[in-house]
Full PDB file with SEQRES, HELIX, SHEET, SSBOND, CRYST1, ORIGX, SCALE, CONECT and MASTER records, all heavy atoms in Angstrom:
SEQRES   1 A   36  ASP ASN ILE LYS ASN THR VAL TYR LEU GLN MET ASN SER          
SEQRES   2 A   36  LEU LYS PRO GLU ASP THR ALA VAL TYR TYR CYS ALA ARG          
SEQRES   3 A   36  SER SER GLY SER VAL TYR ASP THR SER VAL                      
HELIX    1 AA1 PRO A   16  ASP A   18  5                                   3    
CRYST1    1.000    1.000    1.000  90.00  90.00  90.00 P 1           1          
ORIGX1      1.000000  0.000000  0.000000        0.00000                         
ORIGX2      0.000000  1.000000  0.000000        0.00000                         
ORIGX3      0.000000  0.000000  1.000000        0.00000                         
SCALE1      1.000000  0.000000  0.000000        0.00000                         
SCALE2      0.000000  1.000000  0.000000        0.00000                         
SCALE3      0.000000  0.000000  1.000000        0.00000                         
ATOM      1  N   ASP A   1       0.870  -1.161   0.000  1.00  0.00           N  
ATOM      2  CA  ASP A   1       0.000   0.000   0.000  1.00  0.00           C  
ATOM      3  C   ASP A   1       0.911   1.216   0.000  1.00  0.00           C  
ATOM      4  O   ASP A   1       1.476   1.576   1.032  1.00  0.00           O  
ATOM      5  CB  ASP A   1      -0.917  -0.003   1.221  1.00  0.00           C  
ATOM      6  CG  ASP A   1      -1.930   1.120   1.201  1.00  0.00           C  
ATOM      7  OD1 ASP A   1      -1.677   2.162   0.572  1.00  0.00           O  
ATOM      8  OD2 ASP A   1      -2.998   0.961   1.829  1.00  0.00           O  
ATOM      9  N   ASN A   2       1.076   1.840  -1.158  1.00  0.00           N  
ATOM     10  CA  ASN A   2       2.017   2.951  -1.282  1.00  0.00           C  
ATOM     11  C   ASN A   2       1.537   4.222  -0.590  1.00  0.00           C  
ATOM     12  O   ASN A   2       2.339   5.107  -0.305  1.00  0.00           O  
ATOM     13  CB  ASN A   2       2.309   3.227  -2.755  1.00  0.00           C  
ATOM     14  CG  ASN A   2       3.209   2.184  -3.381  1.00  0.00           C  
ATOM     15  OD1 ASN A   2       3.693   1.270  -2.697  1.00  0.00           O  
ATOM     16  ND2 ASN A   2       3.438   2.307  -4.685  1.00  0.00           N  
ATOM     17  N   ILE A   3       0.241   4.317  -0.334  1.00  0.00           N  
ATOM     18  CA  ILE A   3      -0.278   5.461   0.411  1.00  0.00           C  
ATOM     19  C   ILE A   3       0.124   5.355   1.873  1.00  0.00           C  
ATOM     20  O   ILE A   3       0.492   6.337   2.510  1.00  0.00           O  
ATOM     21  CB  ILE A   3      -1.801   5.573   0.273  1.00  0.00           C  
ATOM     22  CG1 ILE A   3      -2.206   5.712  -1.192  1.00  0.00           C  
ATOM     23  CG2 ILE A   3      -2.316   6.751   1.089  1.00  0.00           C  
ATOM     24  CD1 ILE A   3      -1.602   6.914  -1.881  1.00  0.00           C  
ATOM     25  N   LYS A   4       0.061   4.144   2.406  1.00  0.00           N  
ATOM     26  CA  LYS A   4       0.436   3.893   3.795  1.00  0.00           C  
ATOM     27  C   LYS A   4       1.912   3.574   3.969  1.00  0.00           C  
ATOM     28  O   LYS A   4       2.376   3.389   5.095  1.00  0.00           O  
ATOM     29  CB  LYS A   4      -0.387   2.742   4.368  1.00  0.00           C  
ATOM     30  CG  LYS A   4      -1.873   3.027   4.462  1.00  0.00           C  
ATOM     31  CD  LYS A   4      -2.607   1.843   5.079  1.00  0.00           C  
ATOM     32  CE  LYS A   4      -4.086   2.135   5.228  1.00  0.00           C  
ATOM     33  NZ  LYS A   4      -4.815   0.978   5.825  1.00  0.00           N  
ATOM     34  N   ASN A   5       2.656   3.485   2.859  1.00  0.00           N  
ATOM     35  CA  ASN A   5       4.081   3.133   2.907  1.00  0.00           C  
ATOM     36  C   ASN A   5       4.294   1.813   3.653  1.00  0.00           C  
ATOM     37  O   ASN A   5       5.168   1.701   4.524  1.00  0.00           O  
ATOM     38  CB  ASN A   5       4.899   4.239   3.563  1.00  0.00           C  
ATOM     39  CG  ASN A   5       5.176   5.399   2.637  1.00  0.00           C  
ATOM     40  OD1 ASN A   5       4.815   5.377   1.457  1.00  0.00           O  
ATOM     41  ND2 ASN A   5       5.822   6.434   3.154  1.00  0.00           N  
ATOM     42  N   THR A   6       3.516   0.825   3.290  1.00  0.00           N  
ATOM     43  CA  THR A   6       3.552  -0.455   3.984  1.00  0.00           C  
ATOM     44  C   THR A   6       3.535  -1.614   2.988  1.00  0.00           C  
ATOM     45  O   THR A   6       2.805  -1.574   1.993  1.00  0.00           O  
ATOM     46  CB  THR A   6       2.368  -0.594   4.945  1.00  0.00           C  
ATOM     47  OG1 THR A   6       2.372   0.496   5.876  1.00  0.00           O  
ATOM     48  CG2 THR A   6       2.446  -1.896   5.723  1.00  0.00           C  
ATOM     49  N   VAL A   7       4.336  -2.636   3.264  1.00  0.00           N  
ATOM     50  CA  VAL A   7       4.328  -3.864   2.491  1.00  0.00           C  
ATOM     51  C   VAL A   7       3.920  -5.005   3.417  1.00  0.00           C  
ATOM     52  O   VAL A   7       4.267  -5.006   4.605  1.00  0.00           O  
ATOM     53  CB  VAL A   7       5.701  -4.131   1.827  1.00  0.00           C  
ATOM     54  CG1 VAL A   7       6.795  -4.297   2.869  1.00  0.00           C  
ATOM     55  CG2 VAL A   7       5.627  -5.341   0.906  1.00  0.00           C  
ATOM     56  N   TYR A   8       3.183  -5.978   2.880  1.00  0.00           N  
ATOM     57  CA  TYR A   8       2.637  -7.057   3.675  1.00  0.00           C  
ATOM     58  C   TYR A   8       3.084  -8.410   3.134  1.00  0.00           C  
ATOM     59  O   TYR A   8       3.368  -8.568   1.955  1.00  0.00           O  
ATOM     60  CB  TYR A   8       1.109  -7.026   3.665  1.00  0.00           C  
ATOM     61  CG  TYR A   8       0.511  -5.711   4.083  1.00  0.00           C  
ATOM     62  CD1 TYR A   8       0.168  -4.755   3.133  1.00  0.00           C  
ATOM     63  CD2 TYR A   8       0.289  -5.431   5.424  1.00  0.00           C  
ATOM     64  CE1 TYR A   8      -0.388  -3.547   3.517  1.00  0.00           C  
ATOM     65  CE2 TYR A   8      -0.262  -4.223   5.810  1.00  0.00           C  
ATOM     66  CZ  TYR A   8      -0.602  -3.283   4.852  1.00  0.00           C  
ATOM     67  OH  TYR A   8      -1.148  -2.089   5.238  1.00  0.00           O  
ATOM     68  N   LEU A   9       3.108  -9.390   4.023  1.00  0.00           N  
ATOM     69  CA  LEU A   9       3.320 -10.773   3.631  1.00  0.00           C  
ATOM     70  C   LEU A   9       2.294 -11.632   4.351  1.00  0.00           C  
ATOM     71  O   LEU A   9       2.356 -11.800   5.569  1.00  0.00           O  
ATOM     72  CB  LEU A   9       4.738 -11.250   3.970  1.00  0.00           C  
ATOM     73  CG  LEU A   9       5.054 -12.688   3.547  1.00  0.00           C  
ATOM     74  CD1 LEU A   9       5.120 -12.792   2.019  1.00  0.00           C  
ATOM     75  CD2 LEU A   9       6.367 -13.168   4.164  1.00  0.00           C  
ATOM     76  N   GLN A  10       1.330 -12.144   3.603  1.00  0.00           N  
ATOM     77  CA  GLN A  10       0.333 -13.057   4.136  1.00  0.00           C  
ATOM     78  C   GLN A  10       0.845 -14.479   3.969  1.00  0.00           C  
ATOM     79  O   GLN A  10       1.156 -14.902   2.852  1.00  0.00           O  
ATOM     80  CB  GLN A  10      -0.998 -12.892   3.407  1.00  0.00           C  
ATOM     81  CG  GLN A  10      -2.084 -13.868   3.820  1.00  0.00           C  
ATOM     82  CD  GLN A  10      -2.608 -13.609   5.209  1.00  0.00           C  
ATOM     83  OE1 GLN A  10      -2.809 -12.457   5.593  1.00  0.00           O  
ATOM     84  NE2 GLN A  10      -2.828 -14.662   5.976  1.00  0.00           N  
ATOM     85  N   MET A  11       0.960 -15.217   5.066  1.00  0.00           N  
ATOM     86  CA  MET A  11       1.447 -16.583   5.044  1.00  0.00           C  
ATOM     87  C   MET A  11       0.352 -17.518   5.535  1.00  0.00           C  
ATOM     88  O   MET A  11      -0.149 -17.366   6.650  1.00  0.00           O  
ATOM     89  CB  MET A  11       2.690 -16.744   5.915  1.00  0.00           C  
ATOM     90  CG  MET A  11       3.912 -15.994   5.403  1.00  0.00           C  
ATOM     91  SD  MET A  11       4.737 -16.893   4.051  1.00  0.00           S  
ATOM     92  CE  MET A  11       5.440 -18.277   4.956  1.00  0.00           C  
ATOM     93  N   ASN A  12      -0.007 -18.483   4.708  1.00  0.00           N  
ATOM     94  CA  ASN A  12      -1.018 -19.477   5.046  1.00  0.00           C  
ATOM     95  C   ASN A  12      -0.403 -20.869   5.073  1.00  0.00           C  
ATOM     96  O   ASN A  12       0.689 -21.090   4.561  1.00  0.00           O  
ATOM     97  CB  ASN A  12      -2.161 -19.443   4.035  1.00  0.00           C  
ATOM     98  CG  ASN A  12      -2.844 -18.101   3.951  1.00  0.00           C  
ATOM     99  OD1 ASN A  12      -3.024 -17.418   4.961  1.00  0.00           O  
ATOM    100  ND2 ASN A  12      -3.256 -17.713   2.749  1.00  0.00           N  
ATOM    101  N   SER A  13      -1.134 -21.805   5.657  1.00  0.00           N  
ATOM    102  CA  SER A  13      -0.682 -23.204   5.726  1.00  0.00           C  
ATOM    103  C   SER A  13       0.754 -23.294   6.221  1.00  0.00           C  
ATOM    104  O   SER A  13       1.594 -23.977   5.632  1.00  0.00           O  
ATOM    105  CB  SER A  13      -0.826 -23.876   4.356  1.00  0.00           C  
ATOM    106  OG  SER A  13      -2.164 -23.846   3.908  1.00  0.00           O  
ATOM    107  N   LEU A  14       1.030 -22.620   7.302  1.00  0.00           N  
ATOM    108  CA  LEU A  14       2.394 -22.533   7.819  1.00  0.00           C  
ATOM    109  C   LEU A  14       2.918 -23.894   8.257  1.00  0.00           C  
ATOM    110  O   LEU A  14       2.180 -24.728   8.786  1.00  0.00           O  
ATOM    111  CB  LEU A  14       2.456 -21.544   8.972  1.00  0.00           C  
ATOM    112  CG  LEU A  14       2.403 -20.074   8.557  1.00  0.00           C  
ATOM    113  CD1 LEU A  14       2.031 -19.194   9.735  1.00  0.00           C  
ATOM    114  CD2 LEU A  14       3.738 -19.644   7.964  1.00  0.00           C  
ATOM    115  N   LYS A  15       4.214 -24.091   8.036  1.00  0.00           N  
ATOM    116  CA  LYS A  15       4.909 -25.317   8.374  1.00  0.00           C  
ATOM    117  C   LYS A  15       6.020 -25.019   9.373  1.00  0.00           C  
ATOM    118  O   LYS A  15       6.514 -23.895   9.425  1.00  0.00           O  
ATOM    119  CB  LYS A  15       5.516 -25.954   7.116  1.00  0.00           C  
ATOM    120  CG  LYS A  15       4.534 -26.172   5.983  1.00  0.00           C  
ATOM    121  CD  LYS A  15       5.258 -26.642   4.731  1.00  0.00           C  
ATOM    122  CE  LYS A  15       4.304 -26.835   3.574  1.00  0.00           C  
ATOM    123  NZ  LYS A  15       5.018 -27.271   2.344  1.00  0.00           N  
ATOM    124  N   PRO A  16       6.445 -26.007  10.164  1.00  0.00           N  
ATOM    125  CA  PRO A  16       7.553 -25.781  11.095  1.00  0.00           C  
ATOM    126  C   PRO A  16       8.807 -25.240  10.408  1.00  0.00           C  
ATOM    127  O   PRO A  16       9.534 -24.446  11.010  1.00  0.00           O  
ATOM    128  CB  PRO A  16       7.803 -27.166  11.690  1.00  0.00           C  
ATOM    129  CG  PRO A  16       6.464 -27.824  11.647  1.00  0.00           C  
ATOM    130  CD  PRO A  16       5.844 -27.347  10.357  1.00  0.00           C  
ATOM    131  N   GLU A  17       9.059 -25.635   9.175  1.00  0.00           N  
ATOM    132  CA  GLU A  17      10.222 -25.153   8.457  1.00  0.00           C  
ATOM    133  C   GLU A  17      10.126 -23.681   8.056  1.00  0.00           C  
ATOM    134  O   GLU A  17      11.095 -23.105   7.562  1.00  0.00           O  
ATOM    135  CB  GLU A  17      10.508 -26.008   7.212  1.00  0.00           C  
ATOM    136  CG  GLU A  17       9.297 -26.221   6.326  1.00  0.00           C  
ATOM    137  CD  GLU A  17       8.618 -27.551   6.573  1.00  0.00           C  
ATOM    138  OE1 GLU A  17       8.415 -27.898   7.754  1.00  0.00           O  
ATOM    139  OE2 GLU A  17       8.298 -28.250   5.587  1.00  0.00           O  
ATOM    140  N   ASP A  18       8.967 -23.066   8.266  1.00  0.00           N  
ATOM    141  CA  ASP A  18       8.819 -21.632   8.051  1.00  0.00           C  
ATOM    142  C   ASP A  18       9.346 -20.819   9.229  1.00  0.00           C  
ATOM    143  O   ASP A  18       9.420 -19.589   9.143  1.00  0.00           O  
ATOM    144  CB  ASP A  18       7.357 -21.264   7.808  1.00  0.00           C  
ATOM    145  CG  ASP A  18       6.823 -21.823   6.503  1.00  0.00           C  
ATOM    146  OD1 ASP A  18       7.550 -21.807   5.499  1.00  0.00           O  
ATOM    147  OD2 ASP A  18       5.650 -22.274   6.495  1.00  0.00           O  
ATOM    148  N   THR A  19       9.685 -21.482  10.315  1.00  0.00           N  
ATOM    149  CA  THR A  19      10.189 -20.802  11.502  1.00  0.00           C  
ATOM    150  C   THR A  19      11.483 -20.063  11.190  1.00  0.00           C  
ATOM    151  O   THR A  19      12.454 -20.662  10.715  1.00  0.00           O  
ATOM    152  CB  THR A  19      10.420 -21.797  12.643  1.00  0.00           C  
ATOM    153  OG1 THR A  19       9.169 -22.381  13.030  1.00  0.00           O  
ATOM    154  CG2 THR A  19      11.036 -21.105  13.847  1.00  0.00           C  
ATOM    155  N   ALA A  20      11.500 -18.764  11.453  1.00  0.00           N  
ATOM    156  CA  ALA A  20      12.660 -17.931  11.149  1.00  0.00           C  
ATOM    157  C   ALA A  20      12.369 -16.504  11.583  1.00  0.00           C  
ATOM    158  O   ALA A  20      11.240 -16.164  11.933  1.00  0.00           O  
ATOM    159  CB  ALA A  20      12.983 -17.962   9.653  1.00  0.00           C  
ATOM    160  N   VAL A  21      13.404 -15.677  11.545  1.00  0.00           N  
ATOM    161  CA  VAL A  21      13.213 -14.242  11.650  1.00  0.00           C  
ATOM    162  C   VAL A  21      12.948 -13.724  10.238  1.00  0.00           C  
ATOM    163  O   VAL A  21      13.721 -13.996   9.321  1.00  0.00           O  
ATOM    164  CB  VAL A  21      14.437 -13.538  12.258  1.00  0.00           C  
ATOM    165  CG1 VAL A  21      14.242 -12.028  12.264  1.00  0.00           C  
ATOM    166  CG2 VAL A  21      14.693 -14.047  13.673  1.00  0.00           C  
ATOM    167  N   TYR A  22      11.871 -12.983  10.076  1.00  0.00           N  
ATOM    168  CA  TYR A  22      11.493 -12.462   8.770  1.00  0.00           C  
ATOM    169  C   TYR A  22      11.857 -10.990   8.665  1.00  0.00           C  
ATOM    170  O   TYR A  22      11.537 -10.193   9.543  1.00  0.00           O  
ATOM    171  CB  TYR A  22       9.993 -12.648   8.536  1.00  0.00           C  
ATOM    172  CG  TYR A  22       9.636 -14.068   8.161  1.00  0.00           C  
ATOM    173  CD1 TYR A  22       9.736 -15.093   9.096  1.00  0.00           C  
ATOM    174  CD2 TYR A  22       9.217 -14.389   6.871  1.00  0.00           C  
ATOM    175  CE1 TYR A  22       9.433 -16.396   8.760  1.00  0.00           C  
ATOM    176  CE2 TYR A  22       8.907 -15.690   6.531  1.00  0.00           C  
ATOM    177  CZ  TYR A  22       9.014 -16.694   7.474  1.00  0.00           C  
ATOM    178  OH  TYR A  22       8.710 -17.995   7.138  1.00  0.00           O  
ATOM    179  N   TYR A  23      12.523 -10.642   7.578  1.00  0.00           N  
ATOM    180  CA  TYR A  23      12.985  -9.286   7.343  1.00  0.00           C  
ATOM    181  C   TYR A  23      12.353  -8.710   6.087  1.00  0.00           C  
ATOM    182  O   TYR A  23      12.225  -9.403   5.079  1.00  0.00           O  
ATOM    183  CB  TYR A  23      14.505  -9.253   7.148  1.00  0.00           C  
ATOM    184  CG  TYR A  23      15.315  -9.752   8.315  1.00  0.00           C  
ATOM    185  CD1 TYR A  23      15.649 -11.095   8.422  1.00  0.00           C  
ATOM    186  CD2 TYR A  23      15.767  -8.877   9.286  1.00  0.00           C  
ATOM    187  CE1 TYR A  23      16.404 -11.559   9.483  1.00  0.00           C  
ATOM    188  CE2 TYR A  23      16.527  -9.327  10.351  1.00  0.00           C  
ATOM    189  CZ  TYR A  23      16.848 -10.668  10.444  1.00  0.00           C  
ATOM    190  OH  TYR A  23      17.605 -11.118  11.495  1.00  0.00           O  
ATOM    191  N   CYS A  24      11.980  -7.452   6.129  1.00  0.00           N  
ATOM    192  CA  CYS A  24      11.622  -6.750   4.905  1.00  0.00           C  
ATOM    193  C   CYS A  24      12.807  -5.892   4.484  1.00  0.00           C  
ATOM    194  O   CYS A  24      13.650  -5.520   5.303  1.00  0.00           O  
ATOM    195  CB  CYS A  24      10.366  -5.896   5.072  1.00  0.00           C  
ATOM    196  SG  CYS A  24      10.530  -4.459   6.145  1.00  0.00           S  
ATOM    197  N   ALA A  25      12.894  -5.601   3.195  1.00  0.00           N  
ATOM    198  CA  ALA A  25      14.026  -4.858   2.669  1.00  0.00           C  
ATOM    199  C   ALA A  25      13.638  -4.097   1.409  1.00  0.00           C  
ATOM    200  O   ALA A  25      12.693  -4.470   0.711  1.00  0.00           O  
ATOM    201  CB  ALA A  25      15.186  -5.808   2.367  1.00  0.00           C  
ATOM    202  N   ARG A  26      14.390  -3.037   1.130  1.00  0.00           N  
ATOM    203  CA  ARG A  26      14.188  -2.247  -0.075  1.00  0.00           C  
ATOM    204  C   ARG A  26      15.156  -2.686  -1.151  1.00  0.00           C  
ATOM    205  O   ARG A  26      16.359  -2.804  -0.898  1.00  0.00           O  
ATOM    206  CB  ARG A  26      14.388  -0.757   0.211  1.00  0.00           C  
ATOM    207  CG  ARG A  26      13.979   0.135  -0.948  1.00  0.00           C  
ATOM    208  CD  ARG A  26      14.316   1.586  -0.685  1.00  0.00           C  
ATOM    209  NE  ARG A  26      15.723   1.868  -0.923  1.00  0.00           N  
ATOM    210  CZ  ARG A  26      16.267   3.090  -0.864  1.00  0.00           C  
ATOM    211  NH1 ARG A  26      15.499   4.135  -0.551  1.00  0.00           N  
ATOM    212  NH2 ARG A  26      17.552   3.255  -1.088  1.00  0.00           N  
ATOM    213  N   SER A  27      14.656  -2.914  -2.354  1.00  0.00           N  
ATOM    214  CA  SER A  27      15.474  -3.386  -3.451  1.00  0.00           C  
ATOM    215  C   SER A  27      16.200  -2.241  -4.140  1.00  0.00           C  
ATOM    216  O   SER A  27      15.655  -1.148  -4.289  1.00  0.00           O  
ATOM    217  CB  SER A  27      14.620  -4.124  -4.475  1.00  0.00           C  
ATOM    218  OG  SER A  27      15.394  -4.523  -5.595  1.00  0.00           O  
ATOM    219  N   SER A  28      17.424  -2.521  -4.571  1.00  0.00           N  
ATOM    220  CA  SER A  28      18.183  -1.585  -5.395  1.00  0.00           C  
ATOM    221  C   SER A  28      18.242  -2.049  -6.841  1.00  0.00           C  
ATOM    222  O   SER A  28      18.947  -1.457  -7.656  1.00  0.00           O  
ATOM    223  CB  SER A  28      19.603  -1.424  -4.845  1.00  0.00           C  
ATOM    224  OG  SER A  28      20.292  -2.661  -4.833  1.00  0.00           O  
ATOM    225  N   GLY A  29      17.483  -3.086  -7.179  1.00  0.00           N  
ATOM    226  CA  GLY A  29      17.506  -3.644  -8.518  1.00  0.00           C  
ATOM    227  C   GLY A  29      16.165  -4.207  -8.943  1.00  0.00           C  
ATOM    228  O   GLY A  29      15.113  -3.658  -8.612  1.00  0.00           O  
ATOM    229  N   SER A  30      16.221  -5.331  -9.651  1.00  0.00           N  
ATOM    230  CA  SER A  30      15.032  -5.954 -10.210  1.00  0.00           C  
ATOM    231  C   SER A  30      14.235  -6.711  -9.152  1.00  0.00           C  
ATOM    232  O   SER A  30      14.796  -7.274  -8.213  1.00  0.00           O  
ATOM    233  CB  SER A  30      15.434  -6.909 -11.336  1.00  0.00           C  
ATOM    234  OG  SER A  30      14.341  -7.693 -11.764  1.00  0.00           O  
ATOM    235  N   VAL A  31      12.931  -6.756  -9.330  1.00  0.00           N  
ATOM    236  CA  VAL A  31      12.056  -7.520  -8.455  1.00  0.00           C  
ATOM    237  C   VAL A  31      12.362  -9.013  -8.547  1.00  0.00           C  
ATOM    238  O   VAL A  31      12.045  -9.775  -7.628  1.00  0.00           O  
ATOM    239  CB  VAL A  31      10.575  -7.239  -8.792  1.00  0.00           C  
ATOM    240  CG1 VAL A  31      10.212  -7.811 -10.158  1.00  0.00           C  
ATOM    241  CG2 VAL A  31       9.656  -7.784  -7.713  1.00  0.00           C  
ATOM    242  N   TYR A  32      12.997  -9.434  -9.624  1.00  0.00           N  
ATOM    243  CA  TYR A  32      13.308 -10.847  -9.836  1.00  0.00           C  
ATOM    244  C   TYR A  32      14.692 -11.246  -9.342  1.00  0.00           C  
ATOM    245  O   TYR A  32      15.066 -12.417  -9.434  1.00  0.00           O  
ATOM    246  CB  TYR A  32      13.171 -11.201 -11.320  1.00  0.00           C  
ATOM    247  CG  TYR A  32      11.795 -10.897 -11.865  1.00  0.00           C  
ATOM    248  CD1 TYR A  32      11.589  -9.856 -12.764  1.00  0.00           C  
ATOM    249  CD2 TYR A  32      10.698 -11.648 -11.466  1.00  0.00           C  
ATOM    250  CE1 TYR A  32      10.325  -9.572 -13.244  1.00  0.00           C  
ATOM    251  CE2 TYR A  32       9.432 -11.373 -11.942  1.00  0.00           C  
ATOM    252  CZ  TYR A  32       9.252 -10.331 -12.838  1.00  0.00           C  
ATOM    253  OH  TYR A  32       7.990 -10.059 -13.312  1.00  0.00           O  
ATOM    254  N   ASP A  33      15.455 -10.307  -8.817  1.00  0.00           N  
ATOM    255  CA  ASP A  33      16.762 -10.598  -8.247  1.00  0.00           C  
ATOM    256  C   ASP A  33      16.577 -11.026  -6.798  1.00  0.00           C  
ATOM    257  O   ASP A  33      16.181 -10.226  -5.955  1.00  0.00           O  
ATOM    258  CB  ASP A  33      17.666  -9.370  -8.339  1.00  0.00           C  
ATOM    259  CG  ASP A  33      19.113  -9.668  -7.998  1.00  0.00           C  
ATOM    260  OD1 ASP A  33      19.387 -10.694  -7.346  1.00  0.00           O  
ATOM    261  OD2 ASP A  33      19.975  -8.869  -8.384  1.00  0.00           O  
ATOM    262  N   THR A  34      16.861 -12.282  -6.496  1.00  0.00           N  
ATOM    263  CA  THR A  34      16.616 -12.850  -5.174  1.00  0.00           C  
ATOM    264  C   THR A  34      17.800 -12.746  -4.222  1.00  0.00           C  
ATOM    265  O   THR A  34      17.700 -13.196  -3.077  1.00  0.00           O  
ATOM    266  CB  THR A  34      16.222 -14.329  -5.292  1.00  0.00           C  
ATOM    267  OG1 THR A  34      17.318 -15.076  -5.823  1.00  0.00           O  
ATOM    268  CG2 THR A  34      15.015 -14.495  -6.200  1.00  0.00           C  
ATOM    269  N   SER A  35      18.893 -12.169  -4.654  1.00  0.00           N  
ATOM    270  CA  SER A  35      20.096 -12.115  -3.837  1.00  0.00           C  
ATOM    271  C   SER A  35      19.994 -11.042  -2.754  1.00  0.00           C  
ATOM    272  O   SER A  35      19.377  -9.994  -2.948  1.00  0.00           O  
ATOM    273  CB  SER A  35      21.330 -11.878  -4.700  1.00  0.00           C  
ATOM    274  OG  SER A  35      21.278 -10.609  -5.324  1.00  0.00           O  
ATOM    275  N   VAL A  36      20.633 -11.310  -1.627  1.00  0.00           N  
ATOM    276  CA  VAL A  36      20.671 -10.359  -0.523  1.00  0.00           C  
ATOM    277  C   VAL A  36      21.319  -9.049  -0.953  1.00  0.00           C  
ATOM    278  O   VAL A  36      20.898  -7.966  -0.532  1.00  0.00           O  
ATOM    279  CB  VAL A  36      21.421 -10.961   0.682  1.00  0.00           C  
ATOM    280  CG1 VAL A  36      21.677  -9.910   1.743  1.00  0.00           C  
ATOM    281  CG2 VAL A  36      20.629 -12.129   1.266  1.00  0.00           C  
TER     282      VAL A  36                                                      
MASTER        0    0    0    1    0    0    0    6  281    1    0    3          
END                                                                             
């Protein structure tokens, strides 16, 4: 939501392997670049 300056991640059917610290970040490149 660019008006609220907020990005969301909806996670369903969660699995134990989803356990982690989740970080949001701003990209300096392509949306398809998955590298840190």
